[in-house]
Amino acid sequence: MDPTTRTPEADAFEELVAEAEAAPTEGWDFSWFEGRATEERPSWGYARVMGERLAKAEAALDIQTGGGEVLASARELPRLTVATEGWPANVAKATALLHPRGAVVVASPEDAPLPFADAAFDLVVSRHPVTAHWTEIARVLRPGGTYFAQHVGPNSAYEVVEYFLGPQPEANRNARHPDHERAGAEAAGLEIVDLRAEWLRMEFYDIGAVVHFLRKVVWMVPGFTAGQYMPQLRALHERIETDGPFVAHSTRHLIEARKPRT
């Protein structure tokens, strides 16, 4: 754009995008979004209930811990607490956060078998795992042990996904359906104790929040860069400026599964 023809609106757009591109994306700390985006929280209060479960456990595993923020929110950790994480930047962040609490962080790819012996844990937790590998979860649980987690559900934030990628196949939209999770858990020999789902409102107040969201939640629009989607971002910026927040909906489900004692 010719500098002599620049407008305040163009400057604001570029500043918002540049700020979002410069923001760090490690871990699952979403404080950067304060005042710029909101998301309803599920009614069950996962972190609080997880903390209550951890306080009663003997040996616990947190799968795909991210930067360790959710696990670290628990007031009391079991004597043996282990967390896995596959992204190197998150491994470093989780280690710094959790080691002072006595928890061990193990670098483990998301699609690899869990690097633990059979029946090692009486509690396995996870918040928003990319995939729940049910056979591995069942293997590392002790008889009578529990898997307690909050998963991302089907069609989550698909208003954002389809804005950039267009209509998605039905198979993609329903890949995380709670019924599929139930079937996978039961096929691995686990018993479903609780399974609840909720549909939650998201609002993006500026284009920077959209850019940061897509940089942080990398599976939404794989390979996303602002440069690649600049026309769509400019159009969405103008839409937000004119019509108000860009509204989407996330889906979450709470799942509790138990390994039979026999």
C-alpha atoms as a PDB file:
ATOM      1  CA  MET A   1       0.000   0.000   0.000  1.00  0.00           C
ATOM      2  CA  ASP A   2       1.253   3.495  -0.864  1.00  0.00           C
ATOM      3  CA  PRO A   3       2.139   5.196   2.467  1.00  0.00           C
ATOM      4  CA  THR A   4       0.382   8.357   1.307  1.00  0.00           C
ATOM      5  CA  THR A   5      -2.904   6.497   0.968  1.00  0.00           C
ATOM      6  CA  ARG A   6      -2.767   4.591   4.255  1.00  0.00           C
ATOM      7  CA  THR A   7      -5.775   4.851   6.529  1.00  0.00           C
ATOM      8  CA  PRO A   8      -6.035   4.570  10.322  1.00  0.00           C
ATOM      9  CA  GLU A   9      -8.080   1.400   9.778  1.00  0.00           C
ATOM     10  CA  ALA A  10      -5.261  -0.199   7.775  1.00  0.00           C
ATOM     11  CA  ASP A  11      -2.708   0.784  10.417  1.00  0.00           C
ATOM     12  CA  ALA A  12      -4.903  -0.691  13.172  1.00  0.00           C
ATOM     13  CA  PHE A  13      -5.328  -3.960  11.280  1.00  0.00           C
ATOM     14  CA  GLU A  14      -1.613  -4.372  10.690  1.00  0.00           C
ATOM     15  CA  GLU A  15      -0.765  -3.510  14.299  1.00  0.00           C
ATOM     16  CA  LEU A  16      -3.237  -6.081  15.634  1.00  0.00           C
ATOM     17  CA  VAL A  17      -1.906  -8.807  13.344  1.00  0.00           C
ATOM     18  CA  ALA A  18       1.726  -7.974  14.120  1.00  0.00           C
ATOM     19  CA  GLU A  19       1.042  -8.015  17.862  1.00  0.00           C
ATOM     20  CA  ALA A  20      -0.661 -11.414  17.621  1.00  0.00           C
ATOM     21  CA  GLU A  21       2.159 -12.857  15.526  1.00  0.00           C
ATOM     22  CA  ALA A  22       4.733 -11.710  18.082  1.00  0.00           C
ATOM     23  CA  ALA A  23       2.904 -13.180  21.087  1.00  0.00           C
ATOM     24  CA  PRO A  24       4.360 -16.430  22.501  1.00  0.00           C
ATOM     25  CA  THR A  25       2.231 -19.550  22.045  1.00  0.00           C
ATOM     26  CA  GLU A  26       3.850 -21.996  24.469  1.00  0.00           C
ATOM     27  CA  GLY A  27       1.711 -23.750  27.053  1.00  0.00           C
ATOM     28  CA  TRP A  28      -1.991 -23.408  27.775  1.00  0.00           C
ATOM     29  CA  ASP A  29      -1.953 -19.998  29.397  1.00  0.00           C
ATOM     30  CA  PHE A  30      -4.712 -18.012  27.688  1.00  0.00           C
ATOM     31  CA  SER A  31      -4.264 -14.772  29.647  1.00  0.00           C
ATOM     32  CA  TRP A  32      -3.193 -12.978  26.444  1.00  0.00           C
ATOM     33  CA  PHE A  33      -6.837 -13.105  25.323  1.00  0.00           C
ATOM     34  CA  GLU A  34      -8.090 -11.099  28.300  1.00  0.00           C
ATOM     35  CA  GLY A  35     -10.245  -8.272  26.991  1.00  0.00           C
ATOM     36  CA  ARG A  36      -9.834  -9.525  23.427  1.00  0.00           C
ATOM     37  CA  ALA A  37     -11.782 -12.797  23.388  1.00  0.00           C
ATOM     38  CA  THR A  38     -14.022 -14.792  25.705  1.00  0.00           C
ATOM     39  CA  GLU A  39     -15.124 -18.400  25.956  1.00  0.00           C
ATOM     40  CA  GLU A  40     -17.778 -19.828  28.232  1.00  0.00           C
ATOM     41  CA  ARG A  41     -16.507 -22.416  30.675  1.00  0.00           C
ATOM     42  CA  PRO A  42     -18.232 -25.778  31.175  1.00  0.00           C
ATOM     43  CA  SER A  43     -20.456 -25.963  34.217  1.00  0.00           C
ATOM     44  CA  TRP A  44     -18.642 -28.925  35.769  1.00  0.00           C
ATOM     45  CA  GLY A  45     -15.442 -26.995  36.663  1.00  0.00           C
ATOM     46  CA  TYR A  46     -12.872 -29.472  35.421  1.00  0.00           C
ATOM     47  CA  ALA A  47      -9.773 -28.015  37.111  1.00  0.00           C
ATOM     48  CA  ARG A  48     -11.471 -27.872  40.510  1.00  0.00           C
ATOM     49  CA  VAL A  49     -12.778 -31.444  40.358  1.00  0.00           C
ATOM     50  CA  MET A  50      -9.461 -32.689  38.970  1.00  0.00           C
ATOM     51  CA  GLY A  51      -7.738 -31.137  41.973  1.00  0.00           C
ATOM     52  CA  GLU A  52     -10.095 -32.961  44.323  1.00  0.00           C
ATOM     53  CA  ARG A  53      -9.329 -36.272  42.592  1.00  0.00           C
ATOM     54  CA  LEU A  54      -5.574 -35.662  42.705  1.00  0.00           C
ATOM     55  CA  ALA A  55      -5.695 -34.985  46.448  1.00  0.00           C
ATOM     56  CA  LYS A  56      -7.023 -38.529  46.982  1.00  0.00           C
ATOM     57  CA  ALA A  57      -4.768 -40.361  44.514  1.00  0.00           C
ATOM     58  CA  GLU A  58      -1.576 -42.302  45.197  1.00  0.00           C
ATOM     59  CA  ALA A  59      -0.035 -42.171  41.727  1.00  0.00           C
ATOM     60  CA  ALA A  60      -1.301 -39.869  38.971  1.00  0.00           C
ATOM     61  CA  LEU A  61      -0.521 -39.228  35.321  1.00  0.00           C
ATOM     62  CA  ASP A  62      -1.471 -36.087  33.377  1.00  0.00           C
ATOM     63  CA  ILE A  63      -1.431 -36.829  29.639  1.00  0.00           C
ATOM     64  CA  GLN A  64      -0.511 -34.045  27.188  1.00  0.00           C
ATOM     65  CA  THR A  65      -0.064 -31.520  29.984  1.00  0.00           C
ATOM     66  CA  GLY A  66       0.751 -28.583  27.700  1.00  0.00           C
ATOM     67  CA  GLY A  67       2.738 -26.113  29.786  1.00  0.00           C
ATOM     68  CA  GLY A  68       1.575 -27.823  32.970  1.00  0.00           C
ATOM     69  CA  GLU A  69      -0.722 -24.959  33.962  1.00  0.00           C
ATOM     70  CA  VAL A  70      -3.844 -27.036  34.653  1.00  0.00           C
ATOM     71  CA  LEU A  71      -2.009 -29.692  36.659  1.00  0.00           C
ATOM     72  CA  ALA A  72      -0.164 -27.000  38.618  1.00  0.00           C
ATOM     73  CA  SER A  73      -3.494 -25.421  39.588  1.00  0.00           C
ATOM     74  CA  ALA A  74      -4.182 -28.356  41.927  1.00  0.00           C
ATOM     75  CA  ARG A  75      -3.509 -27.474  45.550  1.00  0.00           C
ATOM     76  CA  GLU A  76      -2.217 -30.949  46.392  1.00  0.00           C
ATOM     77  CA  LEU A  77      -0.454 -33.470  44.158  1.00  0.00           C
ATOM     78  CA  PRO A  78       0.017 -37.178  44.852  1.00  0.00           C
ATOM     79  CA  ARG A  79       3.392 -38.410  46.084  1.00  0.00           C
ATOM     80  CA  LEU A  80       3.963 -39.797  42.575  1.00  0.00           C
ATOM     81  CA  THR A  81       2.823 -37.355  39.881  1.00  0.00           C
ATOM     82  CA  VAL A  82       3.955 -37.616  36.267  1.00  0.00           C
ATOM     83  CA  ALA A  83       3.020 -35.556  33.214  1.00  0.00           C
ATOM     84  CA  THR A  84       3.673 -36.225  29.534  1.00  0.00           C
ATOM     85  CA  GLU A  85       4.049 -33.657  26.758  1.00  0.00           C
ATOM     86  CA  GLY A  86       5.123 -33.895  23.141  1.00  0.00           C
ATOM     87  CA  TRP A  87       5.953 -30.322  22.115  1.00  0.00           C
ATOM     88  CA  PRO A  88       9.529 -29.400  23.181  1.00  0.00           C
ATOM     89  CA  ALA A  89       8.674 -25.781  24.048  1.00  0.00           C
ATOM     90  CA  ASN A  90       5.883 -27.005  26.306  1.00  0.00           C
ATOM     91  CA  VAL A  91       8.115 -29.672  27.863  1.00  0.00           C
ATOM     92  CA  ALA A  92      10.507 -26.954  29.008  1.00  0.00           C
ATOM     93  CA  LYS A  93       7.702 -24.767  30.328  1.00  0.00           C
ATOM     94  CA  ALA A  94       5.969 -27.638  32.136  1.00  0.00           C
ATOM     95  CA  THR A  95       9.253 -28.778  33.669  1.00  0.00           C
ATOM     96  CA  ALA A  96       9.937 -25.339  35.091  1.00  0.00           C
ATOM     97  CA  LEU A  97       6.406 -25.133  36.491  1.00  0.00           C
ATOM     98  CA  LEU A  98       5.935 -28.667  37.816  1.00  0.00           C
ATOM     99  CA  HIS A  99       9.359 -29.760  39.077  1.00  0.00           C
ATOM    100  CA  PRO A 100       9.145 -27.439  42.098  1.00  0.00           C
ATOM    101  CA  ARG A 101       5.893 -29.250  42.941  1.00  0.00           C
ATOM    102  CA  GLY A 102       7.662 -32.623  42.852  1.00  0.00           C
ATOM    103  CA  ALA A 103       6.052 -33.712  39.580  1.00  0.00           C
ATOM    104  CA  VAL A 104       8.099 -35.347  36.817  1.00  0.00           C
ATOM    105  CA  VAL A 105       7.630 -34.248  33.193  1.00  0.00           C
ATOM    106  CA  VAL A 106       8.342 -36.857  30.507  1.00  0.00           C
ATOM    107  CA  ALA A 107       8.819 -35.857  26.868  1.00  0.00           C
ATOM    108  CA  SER A 108       6.621 -38.248  24.915  1.00  0.00           C
ATOM    109  CA  PRO A 109       5.125 -37.853  21.420  1.00  0.00           C
ATOM    110  CA  GLU A 110       1.335 -37.670  21.376  1.00  0.00           C
ATOM    111  CA  ASP A 111       0.983 -40.700  19.096  1.00  0.00           C
ATOM    112  CA  ALA A 112       3.537 -42.929  20.877  1.00  0.00           C
ATOM    113  CA  PRO A 113       2.763 -45.592  23.501  1.00  0.00           C
ATOM    114  CA  LEU A 114       2.863 -44.208  27.027  1.00  0.00           C
ATOM    115  CA  PRO A 115       6.372 -44.836  28.440  1.00  0.00           C
ATOM    116  CA  PHE A 116       5.150 -46.443  31.666  1.00  0.00           C
ATOM    117  CA  ALA A 117       4.628 -49.938  33.013  1.00  0.00           C
ATOM    118  CA  ASP A 118       1.251 -51.624  33.136  1.00  0.00           C
ATOM    119  CA  ALA A 119      -0.990 -50.639  36.070  1.00  0.00           C
ATOM    120  CA  ALA A 120       1.323 -47.788  37.115  1.00  0.00           C
ATOM    121  CA  PHE A 121      -1.344 -45.234  38.073  1.00  0.00           C
ATOM    122  CA  ASP A 122      -4.604 -45.164  39.982  1.00  0.00           C
ATOM    123  CA  LEU A 123      -5.587 -41.845  38.344  1.00  0.00           C
ATOM    124  CA  VAL A 124      -5.007 -40.605  34.795  1.00  0.00           C
ATOM    125  CA  VAL A 125      -6.161 -37.097  33.891  1.00  0.00           C
ATOM    126  CA  SER A 126      -6.038 -34.973  30.756  1.00  0.00           C
ATOM    127  CA  ARG A 127      -7.433 -31.646  29.609  1.00  0.00           C
ATOM    128  CA  HIS A 128      -7.975 -31.378  25.868  1.00  0.00           C
ATOM    129  CA  PRO A 129      -5.798 -34.231  24.613  1.00  0.00           C
ATOM    130  CA  VAL A 130      -5.338 -34.238  20.854  1.00  0.00           C
ATOM    131  CA  THR A 131      -6.352 -37.902  20.829  1.00  0.00           C
ATOM    132  CA  ALA A 132      -7.318 -40.239  23.646  1.00  0.00           C
ATOM    133  CA  HIS A 133      -5.375 -43.475  23.115  1.00  0.00           C
ATOM    134  CA  TRP A 134      -7.752 -45.685  25.038  1.00  0.00           C
ATOM    135  CA  THR A 135      -5.768 -48.920  24.968  1.00  0.00           C
ATOM    136  CA  GLU A 136      -2.755 -47.148  26.454  1.00  0.00           C
ATOM    137  CA  ILE A 137      -4.866 -45.369  29.066  1.00  0.00           C
ATOM    138  CA  ALA A 138      -6.412 -48.672  30.093  1.00  0.00           C
ATOM    139  CA  ARG A 139      -3.006 -50.376  30.173  1.00  0.00           C
ATOM    140  CA  VAL A 140      -1.373 -47.914  32.593  1.00  0.00           C
ATOM    141  CA  LEU A 141      -4.379 -47.749  34.916  1.00  0.00           C
ATOM    142  CA  ARG A 142      -4.473 -49.998  37.954  1.00  0.00           C
ATOM    143  CA  PRO A 143      -7.560 -52.185  38.367  1.00  0.00           C
ATOM    144  CA  GLY A 144     -10.175 -49.898  39.889  1.00  0.00           C
ATOM    145  CA  GLY A 145      -8.296 -46.840  38.598  1.00  0.00           C
ATOM    146  CA  THR A 146      -9.969 -43.862  36.908  1.00  0.00           C
ATOM    147  CA  TYR A 147      -9.483 -41.772  33.798  1.00  0.00           C
ATOM    148  CA  PHE A 148     -10.898 -38.287  34.399  1.00  0.00           C
ATOM    149  CA  ALA A 149     -10.667 -35.764  31.575  1.00  0.00           C
ATOM    150  CA  GLN A 150     -12.159 -32.891  29.660  1.00  0.00           C
ATOM    151  CA  HIS A 151     -12.109 -33.414  25.893  1.00  0.00           C
ATOM    152  CA  VAL A 152     -12.736 -31.108  22.971  1.00  0.00           C
ATOM    153  CA  GLY A 153     -15.978 -32.176  21.300  1.00  0.00           C
ATOM    154  CA  PRO A 154     -17.260 -32.273  17.710  1.00  0.00           C
ATOM    155  CA  ASN A 155     -17.625 -29.123  15.600  1.00  0.00           C
ATOM    156  CA  SER A 156     -15.638 -27.135  18.145  1.00  0.00           C
ATOM    157  CA  ALA A 157     -14.972 -23.583  16.898  1.00  0.00           C
ATOM    158  CA  TYR A 158     -15.974 -24.728  13.426  1.00  0.00           C
ATOM    159  CA  GLU A 159     -17.266 -21.250  12.612  1.00  0.00           C
ATOM    160  CA  VAL A 160     -13.590 -20.222  12.709  1.00  0.00           C
ATOM    161  CA  VAL A 161     -12.380 -23.299  10.819  1.00  0.00           C
ATOM    162  CA  GLU A 162     -14.926 -22.994   8.030  1.00  0.00           C
ATOM    163  CA  TYR A 163     -14.436 -19.251   7.671  1.00  0.00           C
ATOM    164  CA  PHE A 164     -10.876 -19.963   6.542  1.00  0.00           C
ATOM    165  CA  LEU A 165     -11.151 -23.447   5.030  1.00  0.00           C
ATOM    166  CA  GLY A 166     -14.717 -23.592   3.775  1.00  0.00           C
ATOM    167  CA  PRO A 167     -17.282 -26.335   4.542  1.00  0.00           C
ATOM    168  CA  GLN A 168     -15.704 -29.413   6.082  1.00  0.00           C
ATOM    169  CA  PRO A 169     -16.618 -33.095   5.537  1.00  0.00           C
ATOM    170  CA  GLU A 170     -19.073 -34.489   8.053  1.00  0.00           C
ATOM    171  CA  ALA A 171     -16.462 -37.043   9.160  1.00  0.00           C
ATOM    172  CA  ASN A 172     -14.136 -34.213  10.214  1.00  0.00           C
ATOM    173  CA  ARG A 173     -16.901 -32.385  12.046  1.00  0.00           C
ATOM    174  CA  ASN A 174     -17.888 -35.410  14.139  1.00  0.00           C
ATOM    175  CA  ALA A 175     -14.445 -36.918  14.755  1.00  0.00           C
ATOM    176  CA  ARG A 176     -14.554 -36.102  18.480  1.00  0.00           C
ATOM    177  CA  HIS A 177     -18.165 -37.063  19.144  1.00  0.00           C
ATOM    178  CA  PRO A 178     -18.807 -38.292  22.725  1.00  0.00           C
ATOM    179  CA  ASP A 179     -20.414 -41.462  21.347  1.00  0.00           C
ATOM    180  CA  HIS A 180     -17.134 -42.301  19.614  1.00  0.00           C
ATOM    181  CA  GLU A 181     -15.234 -41.647  22.838  1.00  0.00           C
ATOM    182  CA  ARG A 182     -17.566 -43.967  24.727  1.00  0.00           C
ATOM    183  CA  ALA A 183     -17.107 -46.699  22.141  1.00  0.00           C
ATOM    184  CA  GLY A 184     -13.325 -46.347  22.206  1.00  0.00           C
ATOM    185  CA  ALA A 185     -13.144 -46.463  25.983  1.00  0.00           C
ATOM    186  CA  GLU A 186     -15.422 -49.475  26.233  1.00  0.00           C
ATOM    187  CA  ALA A 187     -13.530 -51.305  23.482  1.00  0.00           C
ATOM    188  CA  ALA A 188     -10.380 -50.887  25.604  1.00  0.00           C
ATOM    189  CA  GLY A 189     -12.150 -52.498  28.561  1.00  0.00           C
ATOM    190  CA  LEU A 190     -13.054 -49.358  30.514  1.00  0.00           C
ATOM    191  CA  GLU A 191     -16.436 -48.654  32.074  1.00  0.00           C
ATOM    192  CA  ILE A 192     -17.995 -45.218  31.514  1.00  0.00           C
ATOM    193  CA  VAL A 193     -18.943 -43.645  34.833  1.00  0.00           C
ATOM    194  CA  ASP A 194     -19.857 -40.162  33.584  1.00  0.00           C
ATOM    195  CA  LEU A 195     -20.105 -38.514  30.166  1.00  0.00           C
ATOM    196  CA  ARG A 196     -21.472 -34.972  29.761  1.00  0.00           C
ATOM    197  CA  ALA A 197     -21.284 -32.500  26.893  1.00  0.00           C
ATOM    198  CA  GLU A 198     -21.837 -28.748  26.582  1.00  0.00           C
ATOM    199  CA  TRP A 199     -21.992 -26.206  23.728  1.00  0.00           C
ATOM    200  CA  LEU A 200     -20.232 -22.957  24.704  1.00  0.00           C
ATOM    201  CA  ARG A 201     -20.147 -19.463  23.230  1.00  0.00           C
ATOM    202  CA  MET A 202     -16.883 -17.894  22.047  1.00  0.00           C
ATOM    203  CA  GLU A 203     -16.430 -14.245  21.051  1.00  0.00           C
ATOM    204  CA  PHE A 204     -13.439 -12.659  19.300  1.00  0.00           C
ATOM    205  CA  TYR A 205     -13.326  -8.877  19.785  1.00  0.00           C
ATOM    206  CA  ASP A 206     -10.452  -8.107  17.410  1.00  0.00           C
ATOM    207  CA  ILE A 207      -8.589  -9.757  14.559  1.00  0.00           C
ATOM    208  CA  GLY A 208      -5.484 -10.156  16.680  1.00  0.00           C
ATOM    209  CA  ALA A 209      -7.377 -12.562  18.917  1.00  0.00           C
ATOM    210  CA  VAL A 210      -8.312 -14.677  15.888  1.00  0.00           C
ATOM    211  CA  VAL A 211      -4.706 -14.759  14.662  1.00  0.00           C
ATOM    212  CA  HIS A 212      -3.331 -15.699  18.075  1.00  0.00           C
ATOM    213  CA  PHE A 213      -5.994 -18.374  18.529  1.00  0.00           C
ATOM    214  CA  LEU A 214      -5.077 -20.030  15.233  1.00  0.00           C
ATOM    215  CA  ARG A 215      -1.350 -19.839  16.005  1.00  0.00           C
ATOM    216  CA  LYS A 216      -1.907 -21.400  19.419  1.00  0.00           C
ATOM    217  CA  VAL A 217      -4.516 -24.046  18.575  1.00  0.00           C
ATOM    218  CA  VAL A 218      -2.591 -25.302  15.567  1.00  0.00           C
ATOM    219  CA  TRP A 219      -4.943 -28.094  14.504  1.00  0.00           C
ATOM    220  CA  MET A 220      -7.821 -25.723  13.731  1.00  0.00           C
ATOM    221  CA  VAL A 221      -6.337 -24.422  10.473  1.00  0.00           C
ATOM    222  CA  PRO A 222      -3.233 -26.573   9.895  1.00  0.00           C
ATOM    223  CA  GLY A 223      -0.202 -24.602   8.819  1.00  0.00           C
ATOM    224  CA  PHE A 224      -1.909 -21.274   9.482  1.00  0.00           C
ATOM    225  CA  THR A 225       0.097 -18.098   8.910  1.00  0.00           C
ATOM    226  CA  ALA A 226      -1.313 -14.597   8.770  1.00  0.00           C
ATOM    227  CA  GLY A 227       0.415 -13.975   5.463  1.00  0.00           C
ATOM    228  CA  GLN A 228      -1.275 -16.949   3.839  1.00  0.00           C
ATOM    229  CA  TYR A 229      -4.757 -15.776   4.853  1.00  0.00           C
ATOM    230  CA  MET A 230      -4.327 -11.996   4.672  1.00  0.00           C
ATOM    231  CA  PRO A 231      -7.394 -11.303   2.461  1.00  0.00           C
ATOM    232  CA  GLN A 232      -9.669 -13.330   4.754  1.00  0.00           C
ATOM    233  CA  LEU A 233      -8.189 -11.642   7.820  1.00  0.00           C
ATOM    234  CA  ARG A 234      -8.728  -8.167   6.400  1.00  0.00           C
ATOM    235  CA  ALA A 235     -12.330  -8.986   5.551  1.00  0.00           C
ATOM    236  CA  LEU A 236     -12.951 -10.426   9.007  1.00  0.00           C
ATOM    237  CA  HIS A 237     -11.333  -7.393  10.638  1.00  0.00           C
ATOM    238  CA  GLU A 238     -13.734  -5.119   8.767  1.00  0.00           C
ATOM    239  CA  ARG A 239     -16.654  -7.352   9.737  1.00  0.00           C
ATOM    240  CA  ILE A 240     -15.709  -7.200  13.434  1.00  0.00           C
ATOM    241  CA  GLU A 241     -15.256  -3.427  13.254  1.00  0.00           C
ATOM    242  CA  THR A 242     -18.692  -3.027  11.650  1.00  0.00           C
ATOM    243  CA  ASP A 243     -20.815  -5.756  13.249  1.00  0.00           C
ATOM    244  CA  GLY A 244     -19.107  -6.509  16.549  1.00  0.00           C
ATOM    245  CA  PRO A 245     -17.489  -9.703  17.872  1.00  0.00           C
ATOM    246  CA  PHE A 246     -16.981 -12.743  15.674  1.00  0.00           C
ATOM    247  CA  VAL A 247     -19.047 -15.428  17.422  1.00  0.00           C
ATOM    248  CA  ALA A 248     -18.163 -19.121  17.404  1.00  0.00           C
ATOM    249  CA  HIS A 249     -18.996 -22.077  19.648  1.00  0.00           C
ATOM    250  CA  SER A 250     -16.731 -24.580  21.342  1.00  0.00           C
ATOM    251  CA  THR A 251     -17.843 -28.024  22.456  1.00  0.00           C
ATOM    252  CA  ARG A 252     -16.491 -29.834  25.485  1.00  0.00           C
ATOM    253  CA  HIS A 253     -17.267 -33.092  27.177  1.00  0.00           C
ATOM    254  CA  LEU A 254     -16.385 -34.412  30.579  1.00  0.00           C
ATOM    255  CA  ILE A 255     -15.557 -38.087  30.630  1.00  0.00           C
ATOM    256  CA  GLU A 256     -14.879 -40.389  33.555  1.00  0.00           C
ATOM    257  CA  ALA A 257     -14.004 -44.016  32.865  1.00  0.00           C
ATOM    258  CA  ARG A 258     -12.990 -46.733  35.303  1.00  0.00           C
ATOM    259  CA  LYS A 259     -10.883 -49.833  34.844  1.00  0.00           C
ATOM    260  CA  PRO A 260     -12.706 -52.846  36.317  1.00  0.00           C
ATOM    261  CA  ARG A 261     -11.134 -54.423  39.388  1.00  0.00           C
ATOM    262  CA  THR A 262     -11.251 -57.888  37.910  1.00  0.00           C
END
